[in-house]
Amino acid sequence: MGSNRTRAAQAKRRAFRYLWPVGALMTAVLALALGWATDSARVADPSLSAAPAVQTVARRETRPTLDPVRFVGKAALTHQVAREIPDTLDRLDCYCECDKHLGHKSLLSCYTDGHAVT
């Protein structure tokens, strides 16, 4: 009975290891979609266009992302998205606590050292 629990726990860890980059990508896409929707609302309603200017904040992660050509499948896709929207990913925190264990500064950090594919 104990071995079944151990196998189930190992399977759950393996699934999490492979699925978290997909979850991170989905979070980034959702953040972009929400930003796009609010921008569309401002264009549609001129009274909303007088919104205060967004402050530019210095990026926390300054290292470049890894080249998507180094990867295949979903890993290549997520690295390509990370390369296209680094400012958005830099504003998000990773939920695997890599900031505590690997010294990452933001979700973007996971795409600079290969952690996103592990």
PDB file of N, CA and C in Angstrom:
ATOM      1  N   MET A   1       0.820  -1.183   0.000  1.00  0.00           N
ATOM      2  CA  MET A   1       0.000   0.000   0.000  1.00  0.00           C
ATOM      3  C   MET A   1       0.868   1.252   0.000  1.00  0.00           C
ATOM      4  N   GLY A   2       1.927   1.251   0.776  1.00  0.00           N
ATOM      5  CA  GLY A   2       2.813   2.393   0.827  1.00  0.00           C
ATOM      6  C   GLY A   2       3.491   2.657  -0.503  1.00  0.00           C
ATOM      7  N   SER A   3       3.797   1.597  -1.248  1.00  0.00           N
ATOM      8  CA  SER A   3       4.457   1.786  -2.540  1.00  0.00           C
ATOM      9  C   SER A   3       3.527   2.436  -3.549  1.00  0.00           C
ATOM     10  N   ASN A   4       2.205   2.174  -3.479  1.00  0.00           N
ATOM     11  CA  ASN A   4       1.259   2.827  -4.377  1.00  0.00           C
ATOM     12  C   ASN A   4       1.216   4.325  -4.117  1.00  0.00           C
ATOM     13  N   ARG A   5       1.258   4.702  -2.849  1.00  0.00           N
ATOM     14  CA  ARG A   5       1.273   6.132  -2.511  1.00  0.00           C
ATOM     15  C   ARG A   5       2.547   6.794  -3.015  1.00  0.00           C
ATOM     16  N   THR A   6       3.642   6.091  -2.869  1.00  0.00           N
ATOM     17  CA  THR A   6       4.919   6.634  -3.331  1.00  0.00           C
ATOM     18  C   THR A   6       4.894   6.808  -4.844  1.00  0.00           C
ATOM     19  N   ARG A   7       4.376   5.812  -5.569  1.00  0.00           N
ATOM     20  CA  ARG A   7       4.289   5.928  -7.024  1.00  0.00           C
ATOM     21  C   ARG A   7       3.357   7.065  -7.427  1.00  0.00           C
ATOM     22  N   ALA A   8       2.262   7.207  -6.721  1.00  0.00           N
ATOM     23  CA  ALA A   8       1.313   8.291  -7.037  1.00  0.00           C
ATOM     24  C   ALA A   8       1.963   9.650  -6.795  1.00  0.00           C
ATOM     25  N   ALA A   9       2.706   9.777  -5.717  1.00  0.00           N
ATOM     26  CA  ALA A   9       3.380  11.042  -5.424  1.00  0.00           C
ATOM     27  C   ALA A   9       4.446  11.341  -6.469  1.00  0.00           C
ATOM     28  N   GLN A  10       5.179  10.325  -6.892  1.00  0.00           N
ATOM     29  CA  GLN A  10       6.198  10.528  -7.918  1.00  0.00           C
ATOM     30  C   GLN A  10       5.558  10.917  -9.246  1.00  0.00           C
ATOM     31  N   ALA A  11       4.435  10.287  -9.583  1.00  0.00           N
ATOM     32  CA  ALA A  11       3.739  10.628 -10.825  1.00  0.00           C
ATOM     33  C   ALA A  11       3.236  12.063 -10.787  1.00  0.00           C
ATOM     34  N   LYS A  12       2.752  12.484  -9.639  1.00  0.00           N
ATOM     35  CA  LYS A  12       2.252  13.852  -9.498  1.00  0.00           C
ATOM     36  C   LYS A  12       3.402  14.857  -9.669  1.00  0.00           C
ATOM     37  N   ARG A  13       4.560  14.561  -9.085  1.00  0.00           N
ATOM     38  CA  ARG A  13       5.720  15.449  -9.225  1.00  0.00           C
ATOM     39  C   ARG A  13       6.183  15.519 -10.676  1.00  0.00           C
ATOM     40  N   ARG A  14       6.200  14.361 -11.361  1.00  0.00           N
ATOM     41  CA  ARG A  14       6.594  14.354 -12.767  1.00  0.00           C
ATOM     42  C   ARG A  14       5.629  15.185 -13.605  1.00  0.00           C
ATOM     43  N   ALA A  15       4.338  15.033 -13.354  1.00  0.00           N
ATOM     44  CA  ALA A  15       3.342  15.797 -14.115  1.00  0.00           C
ATOM     45  C   ALA A  15       3.532  17.286 -13.881  1.00  0.00           C
ATOM     46  N   PHE A  16       3.766  17.681 -12.638  1.00  0.00           N
ATOM     47  CA  PHE A  16       3.966  19.096 -12.333  1.00  0.00           C
ATOM     48  C   PHE A  16       5.207  19.625 -13.034  1.00  0.00           C
ATOM     49  N   ARG A  17       6.262  18.835 -13.052  1.00  0.00           N
ATOM     50  CA  ARG A  17       7.517  19.258 -13.662  1.00  0.00           C
ATOM     51  C   ARG A  17       7.328  19.593 -15.139  1.00  0.00           C
ATOM     52  N   TYR A  18       6.507  18.822 -15.828  1.00  0.00           N
ATOM     53  CA  TYR A  18       6.316  19.039 -17.253  1.00  0.00           C
ATOM     54  C   TYR A  18       5.202  20.026 -17.572  1.00  0.00           C
ATOM     55  N   LEU A  19       4.287  20.236 -16.658  1.00  0.00           N
ATOM     56  CA  LEU A  19       3.138  21.089 -16.951  1.00  0.00           C
ATOM     57  C   LEU A  19       3.309  22.530 -16.491  1.00  0.00           C
ATOM     58  N   TRP A  20       4.216  22.826 -15.591  1.00  0.00           N
ATOM     59  CA  TRP A  20       4.287  24.193 -15.073  1.00  0.00           C
ATOM     60  C   TRP A  20       4.688  25.208 -16.145  1.00  0.00           C
ATOM     61  N   PRO A  21       5.547  24.889 -17.132  1.00  0.00           N
ATOM     62  CA  PRO A  21       5.806  25.893 -18.176  1.00  0.00           C
ATOM     63  C   PRO A  21       4.552  26.217 -18.981  1.00  0.00           C
ATOM     64  N   VAL A  22       3.711  25.217 -19.184  1.00  0.00           N
ATOM     65  CA  VAL A  22       2.463  25.463 -19.903  1.00  0.00           C
ATOM     66  C   VAL A  22       1.567  26.381 -19.077  1.00  0.00           C
ATOM     67  N   GLY A  23       1.513  26.145 -17.773  1.00  0.00           N
ATOM     68  CA  GLY A  23       0.732  27.013 -16.896  1.00  0.00           C
ATOM     69  C   GLY A  23       1.279  28.429 -16.883  1.00  0.00           C
ATOM     70  N   ALA A  24       2.589  28.559 -16.887  1.00  0.00           N
ATOM     71  CA  ALA A  24       3.199  29.890 -16.912  1.00  0.00           C
ATOM     72  C   ALA A  24       2.863  30.607 -18.211  1.00  0.00           C
ATOM     73  N   LEU A  25       2.904  29.878 -19.321  1.00  0.00           N
ATOM     74  CA  LEU A  25       2.549  30.465 -20.611  1.00  0.00           C
ATOM     75  C   LEU A  25       1.093  30.894 -20.620  1.00  0.00           C
ATOM     76  N   MET A  26       0.218  30.053 -20.084  1.00  0.00           N
ATOM     77  CA  MET A  26      -1.206  30.391 -20.031  1.00  0.00           C
ATOM     78  C   MET A  26      -1.434  31.646 -19.179  1.00  0.00           C
ATOM     79  N   THR A  27      -0.701  31.771 -18.079  1.00  0.00           N
ATOM     80  CA  THR A  27      -0.817  32.952 -17.238  1.00  0.00           C
ATOM     81  C   THR A  27      -0.389  34.203 -18.001  1.00  0.00           C
ATOM     82  N   ALA A  28       0.698  34.103 -18.735  1.00  0.00           N
ATOM     83  CA  ALA A  28       1.183  35.244 -19.510  1.00  0.00           C
ATOM     84  C   ALA A  28       0.193  35.623 -20.603  1.00  0.00           C
ATOM     85  N   VAL A  29      -0.358  34.622 -21.283  1.00  0.00           N
ATOM     86  CA  VAL A  29      -1.331  34.898 -22.338  1.00  0.00           C
ATOM     87  C   VAL A  29      -2.574  35.546 -21.746  1.00  0.00           C
ATOM     88  N   LEU A  30      -3.018  35.067 -20.590  1.00  0.00           N
ATOM     89  CA  LEU A  30      -4.175  35.660 -19.928  1.00  0.00           C
ATOM     90  C   LEU A  30      -3.895  37.109 -19.539  1.00  0.00           C
ATOM     91  N   ALA A  31      -2.700  37.375 -19.019  1.00  0.00           N
ATOM     92  CA  ALA A  31      -2.338  38.745 -18.657  1.00  0.00           C
ATOM     93  C   ALA A  31      -2.347  39.650 -19.885  1.00  0.00           C
ATOM     94  N   LEU A  32      -1.833  39.145 -21.003  1.00  0.00           N
ATOM     95  CA  LEU A  32      -1.850  39.926 -22.242  1.00  0.00           C
ATOM     96  C   LEU A  32      -3.277  40.160 -22.731  1.00  0.00           C
ATOM     97  N   ALA A  33      -4.100  39.124 -22.652  1.00  0.00           N
ATOM     98  CA  ALA A  33      -5.490  39.251 -23.106  1.00  0.00           C
ATOM     99  C   ALA A  33      -6.244  40.269 -22.263  1.00  0.00           C
ATOM    100  N   LEU A  34      -6.018  40.253 -20.970  1.00  0.00           N
ATOM    101  CA  LEU A  34      -6.686  41.227 -20.110  1.00  0.00           C
ATOM    102  C   LEU A  34      -6.210  42.645 -20.415  1.00  0.00           C
ATOM    103  N   GLY A  35      -4.933  42.792 -20.671  1.00  0.00           N
ATOM    104  CA  GLY A  35      -4.408  44.103 -21.045  1.00  0.00           C
ATOM    105  C   GLY A  35      -4.967  44.574 -22.373  1.00  0.00           C
ATOM    106  N   TRP A  36      -5.091  43.665 -23.325  1.00  0.00           N
ATOM    107  CA  TRP A  36      -5.640  44.001 -24.632  1.00  0.00           C
ATOM    108  C   TRP A  36      -7.108  44.392 -24.501  1.00  0.00           C
ATOM    109  N   ALA A  37      -7.864  43.678 -23.674  1.00  0.00           N
ATOM    110  CA  ALA A  37      -9.286  43.968 -23.501  1.00  0.00           C
ATOM    111  C   ALA A  37      -9.484  45.349 -22.885  1.00  0.00           C
ATOM    112  N   THR A  38      -8.662  45.708 -21.920  1.00  0.00           N
ATOM    113  CA  THR A  38      -8.827  47.025 -21.309  1.00  0.00           C
ATOM    114  C   THR A  38      -8.401  48.127 -22.272  1.00  0.00           C
ATOM    115  N   ASP A  39      -7.384  47.870 -23.100  1.00  0.00           N
ATOM    116  CA  ASP A  39      -6.996  48.856 -24.104  1.00  0.00           C
ATOM    117  C   ASP A  39      -8.099  49.036 -25.137  1.00  0.00           C
ATOM    118  N   SER A  40      -8.762  47.932 -25.527  1.00  0.00           N
ATOM    119  CA  SER A  40      -9.859  48.009 -26.485  1.00  0.00           C
ATOM    120  C   SER A  40     -11.021  48.798 -25.904  1.00  0.00           C
ATOM    121  N   ALA A  41     -11.274  48.628 -24.618  1.00  0.00           N
ATOM    122  CA  ALA A  41     -12.365  49.369 -23.980  1.00  0.00           C
ATOM    123  C   ALA A  41     -12.066  50.867 -23.986  1.00  0.00           C
ATOM    124  N   ARG A  42     -10.823  51.242 -23.791  1.00  0.00           N
ATOM    125  CA  ARG A  42     -10.464  52.670 -23.805  1.00  0.00           C
ATOM    126  C   ARG A  42     -10.674  53.275 -25.184  1.00  0.00           C
ATOM    127  N   VAL A  43     -10.343  52.505 -26.224  1.00  0.00           N
ATOM    128  CA  VAL A  43     -10.517  52.991 -27.588  1.00  0.00           C
ATOM    129  C   VAL A  43     -12.005  53.126 -27.899  1.00  0.00           C
ATOM    130  N   ALA A  44     -12.812  52.162 -27.449  1.00  0.00           N
ATOM    131  CA  ALA A  44     -14.245  52.180 -27.722  1.00  0.00           C
ATOM    132  C   ALA A  44     -14.952  53.310 -26.976  1.00  0.00           C
ATOM    133  N   ASP A  45     -14.506  53.636 -25.785  1.00  0.00           N
ATOM    134  CA  ASP A  45     -15.138  54.684 -24.982  1.00  0.00           C
ATOM    135  C   ASP A  45     -14.122  55.805 -24.767  1.00  0.00           C
ATOM    136  N   PRO A  46     -14.254  56.920 -25.479  1.00  0.00           N
ATOM    137  CA  PRO A  46     -13.270  57.995 -25.380  1.00  0.00           C
ATOM    138  C   PRO A  46     -13.107  58.552 -23.970  1.00  0.00           C
ATOM    139  N   SER A  47     -14.132  58.438 -23.142  1.00  0.00           N
ATOM    140  CA  SER A  47     -14.005  58.969 -21.783  1.00  0.00           C
ATOM    141  C   SER A  47     -12.994  58.177 -20.969  1.00  0.00           C
ATOM    142  N   LEU A  48     -12.723  56.921 -21.367  1.00  0.00           N
ATOM    143  CA  LEU A  48     -11.752  56.101 -20.652  1.00  0.00           C
ATOM    144  C   LEU A  48     -10.318  56.361 -21.106  1.00  0.00           C
ATOM    145  N   SER A  49     -10.143  57.053 -22.224  1.00  0.00           N
ATOM    146  CA  SER A  49      -8.803  57.251 -22.758  1.00  0.00           C
ATOM    147  C   SER A  49      -7.985  58.255 -21.954  1.00  0.00           C
ATOM    148  N   ALA A  50      -8.603  58.919 -21.005  1.00  0.00           N
ATOM    149  CA  ALA A  50      -7.879  59.864 -20.167  1.00  0.00           C
ATOM    150  C   ALA A  50      -7.273  59.168 -18.956  1.00  0.00           C
ATOM    151  N   ALA A  51      -6.977  57.887 -19.090  1.00  0.00           N
ATOM    152  CA  ALA A  51      -6.389  57.126 -17.997  1.00  0.00           C
ATOM    153  C   ALA A  51      -4.979  57.627 -17.729  1.00  0.00           C
ATOM    154  N   PRO A  52      -4.539  57.519 -16.487  1.00  0.00           N
ATOM    155  CA  PRO A  52      -3.185  57.972 -16.169  1.00  0.00           C
ATOM    156  C   PRO A  52      -2.141  57.157 -16.920  1.00  0.00           C
ATOM    157  N   ALA A  53      -1.027  57.771 -17.214  1.00  0.00           N
ATOM    158  CA  ALA A  53       0.056  57.102 -17.938  1.00  0.00           C
ATOM    159  C   ALA A  53       0.640  55.989 -17.078  1.00  0.00           C
ATOM    160  N   VAL A  54       1.035  54.909 -17.717  1.00  0.00           N
ATOM    161  CA  VAL A  54       1.641  53.786 -17.023  1.00  0.00           C
ATOM    162  C   VAL A  54       3.112  54.104 -16.789  1.00  0.00           C
ATOM    163  N   GLN A  55       3.546  53.913 -15.567  1.00  0.00           N
ATOM    164  CA  GLN A  55       4.950  54.162 -15.268  1.00  0.00           C
ATOM    165  C   GLN A  55       5.809  53.029 -15.805  1.00  0.00           C
ATOM    166  N   THR A  56       6.939  53.382 -16.360  1.00  0.00           N
ATOM    167  CA  THR A  56       7.883  52.378 -16.824  1.00  0.00           C
ATOM    168  C   THR A  56       8.766  51.987 -15.646  1.00  0.00           C
ATOM    169  N   VAL A  57       8.785  50.703 -15.367  1.00  0.00           N
ATOM    170  CA  VAL A  57       9.574  50.191 -14.255  1.00  0.00           C
ATOM    171  C   VAL A  57      10.753  49.422 -14.828  1.00  0.00           C
ATOM    172  N   ALA A  58      11.904  49.605 -14.214  1.00  0.00           N
ATOM    173  CA  ALA A  58      13.090  48.878 -14.679  1.00  0.00           C
ATOM    174  C   ALA A  58      12.855  47.376 -14.524  1.00  0.00           C
ATOM    175  N   ARG A  59      13.298  46.638 -15.492  1.00  0.00           N
ATOM    176  CA  ARG A  59      13.113  45.198 -15.475  1.00  0.00           C
ATOM    177  C   ARG A  59      13.952  44.580 -14.365  1.00  0.00           C
ATOM    178  N   ARG A  60      13.375  43.579 -13.676  1.00  0.00           N
ATOM    179  CA  ARG A  60      14.094  42.895 -12.598  1.00  0.00           C
ATOM    180  C   ARG A  60      15.123  41.921 -13.167  1.00  0.00           C
ATOM    181  N   GLU A  61      14.749  41.215 -14.226  1.00  0.00           N
ATOM    182  CA  GLU A  61      15.648  40.249 -14.859  1.00  0.00           C
ATOM    183  C   GLU A  61      16.268  40.895 -16.090  1.00  0.00           C
ATOM    184  N   THR A  62      17.579  40.964 -16.110  1.00  0.00           N
ATOM    185  CA  THR A  62      18.265  41.639 -17.220  1.00  0.00           C
ATOM    186  C   THR A  62      18.934  40.671 -18.190  1.00  0.00           C
ATOM    187  N   ARG A  63      19.028  39.393 -17.829  1.00  0.00           N
ATOM    188  CA  ARG A  63      19.654  38.413 -18.717  1.00  0.00           C
ATOM    189  C   ARG A  63      18.743  38.115 -19.908  1.00  0.00           C
ATOM    190  N   PRO A  64      19.304  37.819 -21.070  1.00  0.00           N
ATOM    191  CA  PRO A  64      18.469  37.488 -22.235  1.00  0.00           C
ATOM    192  C   PRO A  64      17.879  36.078 -22.089  1.00  0.00           C
ATOM    193  N   THR A  65      16.744  35.850 -22.733  1.00  0.00           N
ATOM    194  CA  THR A  65      16.135  34.519 -22.720  1.00  0.00           C
ATOM    195  C   THR A  65      16.925  33.592 -23.631  1.00  0.00           C
ATOM    196  N   LEU A  66      16.790  32.301 -23.381  1.00  0.00           N
ATOM    197  CA  LEU A  66      17.476  31.314 -24.212  1.00  0.00           C
ATOM    198  C   LEU A  66      16.816  31.245 -25.583  1.00  0.00           C
ATOM    199  N   ASP A  67      17.582  30.894 -26.580  1.00  0.00           N
ATOM    200  CA  ASP A  67      17.094  30.822 -27.951  1.00  0.00           C
ATOM    201  C   ASP A  67      16.099  29.671 -28.094  1.00  0.00           C
ATOM    202  N   PRO A  68      14.877  29.942 -28.591  1.00  0.00           N
ATOM    203  CA  PRO A  68      13.869  28.886 -28.743  1.00  0.00           C
ATOM    204  C   PRO A  68      14.298  27.754 -29.676  1.00  0.00           C
ATOM    205  N   VAL A  69      15.269  27.994 -30.537  1.00  0.00           N
ATOM    206  CA  VAL A  69      15.745  26.977 -31.472  1.00  0.00           C
ATOM    207  C   VAL A  69      16.388  25.804 -30.731  1.00  0.00           C
ATOM    208  N   ARG A  70      16.838  26.054 -29.509  1.00  0.00           N
ATOM    209  CA  ARG A  70      17.479  25.002 -28.715  1.00  0.00           C
ATOM    210  C   ARG A  70      16.491  23.955 -28.217  1.00  0.00           C
ATOM    211  N   PHE A  71      15.185  24.232 -28.337  1.00  0.00           N
ATOM    212  CA  PHE A  71      14.166  23.376 -27.762  1.00  0.00           C
ATOM    213  C   PHE A  71      13.214  22.871 -28.833  1.00  0.00           C
ATOM    214  N   VAL A  72      12.380  21.909 -28.465  1.00  0.00           N
ATOM    215  CA  VAL A  72      11.363  21.382 -29.374  1.00  0.00           C
ATOM    216  C   VAL A  72       9.999  21.415 -28.684  1.00  0.00           C
ATOM    217  N   GLY A  73       8.944  21.391 -29.481  1.00  0.00           N
ATOM    218  CA  GLY A  73       7.585  21.286 -28.951  1.00  0.00           C
ATOM    219  C   GLY A  73       7.170  22.487 -28.122  1.00  0.00           C
ATOM    220  N   LYS A  74       6.500  22.180 -27.001  1.00  0.00           N
ATOM    221  CA  LYS A  74       5.963  23.228 -26.134  1.00  0.00           C
ATOM    222  C   LYS A  74       7.069  24.080 -25.509  1.00  0.00           C
ATOM    223  N   ALA A  75       8.197  23.473 -25.244  1.00  0.00           N
ATOM    224  CA  ALA A  75       9.311  24.225 -24.667  1.00  0.00           C
ATOM    225  C   ALA A  75       9.786  25.305 -25.636  1.00  0.00           C
ATOM    226  N   ALA A  76       9.858  24.974 -26.921  1.00  0.00           N
ATOM    227  CA  ALA A  76      10.262  25.970 -27.923  1.00  0.00           C
ATOM    228  C   ALA A  76       9.228  27.080 -28.017  1.00  0.00           C
ATOM    229  N   LEU A  77       7.949  26.702 -27.974  1.00  0.00           N
ATOM    230  CA  LEU A  77       6.879  27.691 -28.043  1.00  0.00           C
ATOM    231  C   LEU A  77       6.910  28.638 -26.850  1.00  0.00           C
ATOM    232  N   THR A  78       7.063  28.093 -25.646  1.00  0.00           N
ATOM    233  CA  THR A  78       7.078  28.952 -24.468  1.00  0.00           C
ATOM    234  C   THR A  78       8.303  29.865 -24.453  1.00  0.00           C
ATOM    235  N   HIS A  79       9.450  29.367 -24.930  1.00  0.00           N
ATOM    236  CA  HIS A  79      10.635  30.224 -24.999  1.00  0.00           C
ATOM    237  C   HIS A  79      10.467  31.321 -26.050  1.00  0.00           C
ATOM    238  N   GLN A  80       9.767  31.021 -27.134  1.00  0.00           N
ATOM    239  CA  GLN A  80       9.500  32.046 -28.147  1.00  0.00           C
ATOM    240  C   GLN A  80       8.589  33.129 -27.568  1.00  0.00           C
ATOM    241  N   VAL A  81       7.555  32.719 -26.841  1.00  0.00           N
ATOM    242  CA  VAL A  81       6.653  33.690 -26.214  1.00  0.00           C
ATOM    243  C   VAL A  81       7.413  34.516 -25.179  1.00  0.00           C
ATOM    244  N   ALA A  82       8.269  33.868 -24.403  1.00  0.00           N
ATOM    245  CA  ALA A  82       9.059  34.592 -23.401  1.00  0.00           C
ATOM    246  C   ALA A  82       9.944  35.639 -24.072  1.00  0.00           C
ATOM    247  N   ARG A  83      10.452  35.317 -25.237  1.00  0.00           N
ATOM    248  CA  ARG A  83      11.297  36.264 -25.965  1.00  0.00           C
ATOM    249  C   ARG A  83      10.479  37.432 -26.513  1.00  0.00           C
ATOM    250  N   GLU A  84       9.195  37.184 -26.826  1.00  0.00           N
ATOM    251  CA  GLU A  84       8.348  38.228 -27.395  1.00  0.00           C
ATOM    252  C   GLU A  84       7.741  39.147 -26.339  1.00  0.00           C
ATOM    253  N   ILE A  85       7.503  38.650 -25.123  1.00  0.00           N
ATOM    254  CA  ILE A  85       6.861  39.467 -24.083  1.00  0.00           C
ATOM    255  C   ILE A  85       7.661  39.454 -22.777  1.00  0.00           C
ATOM    256  N   PRO A  86       8.925  39.820 -22.825  1.00  0.00           N
ATOM    257  CA  PRO A  86       9.740  39.739 -21.604  1.00  0.00           C
ATOM    258  C   PRO A  86       9.258  40.682 -20.495  1.00  0.00           C
ATOM    259  N   ASP A  87       8.760  41.856 -20.850  1.00  0.00           N
ATOM    260  CA  ASP A  87       8.316  42.794 -19.814  1.00  0.00           C
ATOM    261  C   ASP A  87       7.130  42.240 -19.035  1.00  0.00           C
ATOM    262  N   THR A  88       6.233  41.557 -19.720  1.00  0.00           N
ATOM    263  CA  THR A  88       5.081  40.964 -19.041  1.00  0.00           C
ATOM    264  C   THR A  88       5.525  39.855 -18.098  1.00  0.00           C
ATOM    265  N   LEU A  89       6.380  38.964 -18.562  1.00  0.00           N
ATOM    266  CA  LEU A  89       6.843  37.868 -17.720  1.00  0.00           C
ATOM    267  C   LEU A  89       7.685  38.371 -16.560  1.00  0.00           C
ATOM    268  N   ASP A  90       8.362  39.485 -16.745  1.00  0.00           N
ATOM    269  CA  ASP A  90       9.183  40.024 -15.670  1.00  0.00           C
ATOM    270  C   ASP A  90       8.324  40.583 -14.533  1.00  0.00           C
ATOM    271  N   ARG A  91       7.090  40.924 -14.828  1.00  0.00           N
ATOM    272  CA  ARG A  91       6.190  41.431 -13.788  1.00  0.00           C
ATOM    273  C   ARG A  91       5.510  40.316 -13.011  1.00  0.00           C
ATOM    274  N   LEU A  92       5.635  39.071 -13.482  1.00  0.00           N
ATOM    275  CA  LEU A  92       4.973  37.939 -12.842  1.00  0.00           C
ATOM    276  C   LEU A  92       5.954  37.153 -11.984  1.00  0.00           C
ATOM    277  N   ASP A  93       5.444  36.628 -10.883  1.00  0.00           N
ATOM    278  CA  ASP A  93       6.252  35.765 -10.032  1.00  0.00           C
ATOM    279  C   ASP A  93       5.972  34.319 -10.404  1.00  0.00           C
ATOM    280  N   CYS A  94       7.004  33.496 -10.380  1.00  0.00           N
ATOM    281  CA  CYS A  94       6.858  32.075 -10.674  1.00  0.00           C
ATOM    282  C   CYS A  94       6.262  31.391  -9.446  1.00  0.00           C
ATOM    283  N   TYR A  95       5.424  30.394  -9.653  1.00  0.00           N
ATOM    284  CA  TYR A  95       4.779  29.740  -8.521  1.00  0.00           C
ATOM    285  C   TYR A  95       5.499  28.479  -8.055  1.00  0.00           C
ATOM    286  N   CYS A  96       6.652  28.183  -8.601  1.00  0.00           N
ATOM    287  CA  CYS A  96       7.380  26.990  -8.137  1.00  0.00           C
ATOM    288  C   CYS A  96       8.424  27.351  -7.078  1.00  0.00           C
ATOM    289  N   GLU A  97       8.421  28.588  -6.629  1.00  0.00           N
ATOM    290  CA  GLU A  97       9.320  29.083  -5.584  1.00  0.00           C
ATOM    291  C   GLU A  97      10.796  29.024  -5.971  1.00  0.00           C
ATOM    292  N   CYS A  98      11.074  29.185  -7.262  1.00  0.00           N
ATOM    293  CA  CYS A  98      12.464  29.182  -7.711  1.00  0.00           C
ATOM    294  C   CYS A  98      13.197  30.441  -7.235  1.00  0.00           C
ATOM    295  N   ASP A  99      12.448  31.466  -6.823  1.00  0.00           N
ATOM    296  CA  ASP A  99      13.104  32.652  -6.278  1.00  0.00           C
ATOM    297  C   ASP A  99      13.822  32.311  -4.973  1.00  0.00           C
ATOM    298  N   LYS A 100      13.285  31.362  -4.234  1.00  0.00           N
ATOM    299  CA  LYS A 100      13.903  30.967  -2.962  1.00  0.00           C
ATOM    300  C   LYS A 100      15.053  29.981  -3.163  1.00  0.00           C
ATOM    301  N   HIS A 101      14.899  29.083  -4.155  1.00  0.00           N
ATOM    302  CA  HIS A 101      15.865  28.000  -4.319  1.00  0.00           C
ATOM    303  C   HIS A 101      16.930  28.281  -5.380  1.00  0.00           C
ATOM    304  N   LEU A 102      16.564  29.041  -6.413  1.00  0.00           N
ATOM    305  CA  LEU A 102      17.501  29.280  -7.510  1.00  0.00           C
ATOM    306  C   LEU A 102      17.895  30.744  -7.643  1.00  0.00           C
ATOM    307  N   GLY A 103      17.323  31.599  -6.817  1.00  0.00           N
ATOM    308  CA  GLY A 103      17.660  33.015  -6.881  1.00  0.00           C
ATOM    309  C   GLY A 103      17.010  33.758  -8.033  1.00  0.00           C
ATOM    310  N   HIS A 104      15.925  33.218  -8.584  1.00  0.00           N
ATOM    311  CA  HIS A 104      15.245  33.893  -9.684  1.00  0.00           C
ATOM    312  C   HIS A 104      14.537  35.151  -9.209  1.00  0.00           C
ATOM    313  N   LYS A 105      14.459  36.134 -10.087  1.00  0.00           N
ATOM    314  CA  LYS A 105      13.853  37.422  -9.756  1.00  0.00           C
ATOM    315  C   LYS A 105      12.407  37.513 -10.199  1.00  0.00           C
ATOM    316  N   SER A 106      12.037  36.762 -11.256  1.00  0.00           N
ATOM    317  CA  SER A 106      10.679  36.786 -11.795  1.00  0.00           C
ATOM    318  C   SER A 106      10.473  35.550 -12.660  1.00  0.00           C
ATOM    319  N   LEU A 107       9.289  35.440 -13.250  1.00  0.00           N
ATOM    320  CA  LEU A 107       9.009  34.322 -14.151  1.00  0.00           C
ATOM    321  C   LEU A 107       9.947  34.351 -15.358  1.00  0.00           C
ATOM    322  N   LEU A 108      10.354  35.529 -15.775  1.00  0.00           N
ATOM    323  CA  LEU A 108      11.279  35.648 -16.906  1.00  0.00           C
ATOM    324  C   LEU A 108      12.605  34.941 -16.622  1.00  0.00           C
ATOM    325  N   SER A 109      13.020  34.919 -15.376  1.00  0.00           N
ATOM    326  CA  SER A 109      14.285  34.264 -15.007  1.00  0.00           C
ATOM    327  C   SER A 109      14.299  32.793 -15.393  1.00  0.00           C
ATOM    328  N   CYS A 110      13.137  32.148 -15.330  1.00  0.00           N
ATOM    329  CA  CYS A 110      13.059  30.724 -15.671  1.00  0.00           C
ATOM    330  C   CYS A 110      13.417  30.461 -17.122  1.00  0.00           C
ATOM    331  N   TYR A 111      13.275  31.479 -17.970  1.00  0.00           N
ATOM    332  CA  TYR A 111      13.555  31.334 -19.398  1.00  0.00           C
ATOM    333  C   TYR A 111      14.971  31.793 -19.761  1.00  0.00           C
ATOM    334  N   THR A 112      15.768  32.175 -18.774  1.00  0.00           N
ATOM    335  CA  THR A 112      17.131  32.611 -19.040  1.00  0.00           C
ATOM    336  C   THR A 112      18.169  31.544 -18.706  1.00  0.00           C
ATOM    337  N   ASP A 113      17.768  30.510 -17.954  1.00  0.00           N
ATOM    338  CA  ASP A 113      18.752  29.514 -17.533  1.00  0.00           C
ATOM    339  C   ASP A 113      18.328  28.060 -17.750  1.00  0.00           C
ATOM    340  N   GLY A 114      17.253  27.837 -18.500  1.00  0.00           N
ATOM    341  CA  GLY A 114      16.828  26.472 -18.778  1.00  0.00           C
ATOM    342  C   GLY A 114      15.913  25.864 -17.740  1.00  0.00           C
ATOM    343  N   HIS A 115      15.604  26.584 -16.671  1.00  0.00           N
ATOM    344  CA  HIS A 115      14.732  26.062 -15.631  1.00  0.00           C
ATOM    345  C   HIS A 115      13.312  25.812 -16.141  1.00  0.00           C
ATOM    346  N   ALA A 116      12.887  26.556 -17.148  1.00  0.00           N
ATOM    347  CA  ALA A 116      11.514  26.422 -17.659  1.00  0.00           C
ATOM    348  C   ALA A 116      11.263  25.083 -18.324  1.00  0.00           C
ATOM    349  N   VAL A 117      12.283  24.364 -18.709  1.00  0.00           N
ATOM    350  CA  VAL A 117      12.080  23.077 -19.379  1.00  0.00           C
ATOM    351  C   VAL A 117      12.312  21.892 -18.458  1.00  0.00           C
ATOM    352  N   THR A 118      12.627  22.131 -17.204  1.00  0.00           N
ATOM    353  CA  THR A 118      12.869  21.019 -16.275  1.00  0.00           C
ATOM    354  C   THR A 118      11.608  20.609 -15.573  1.00  0.00           C
TER     355      THR A 118
END
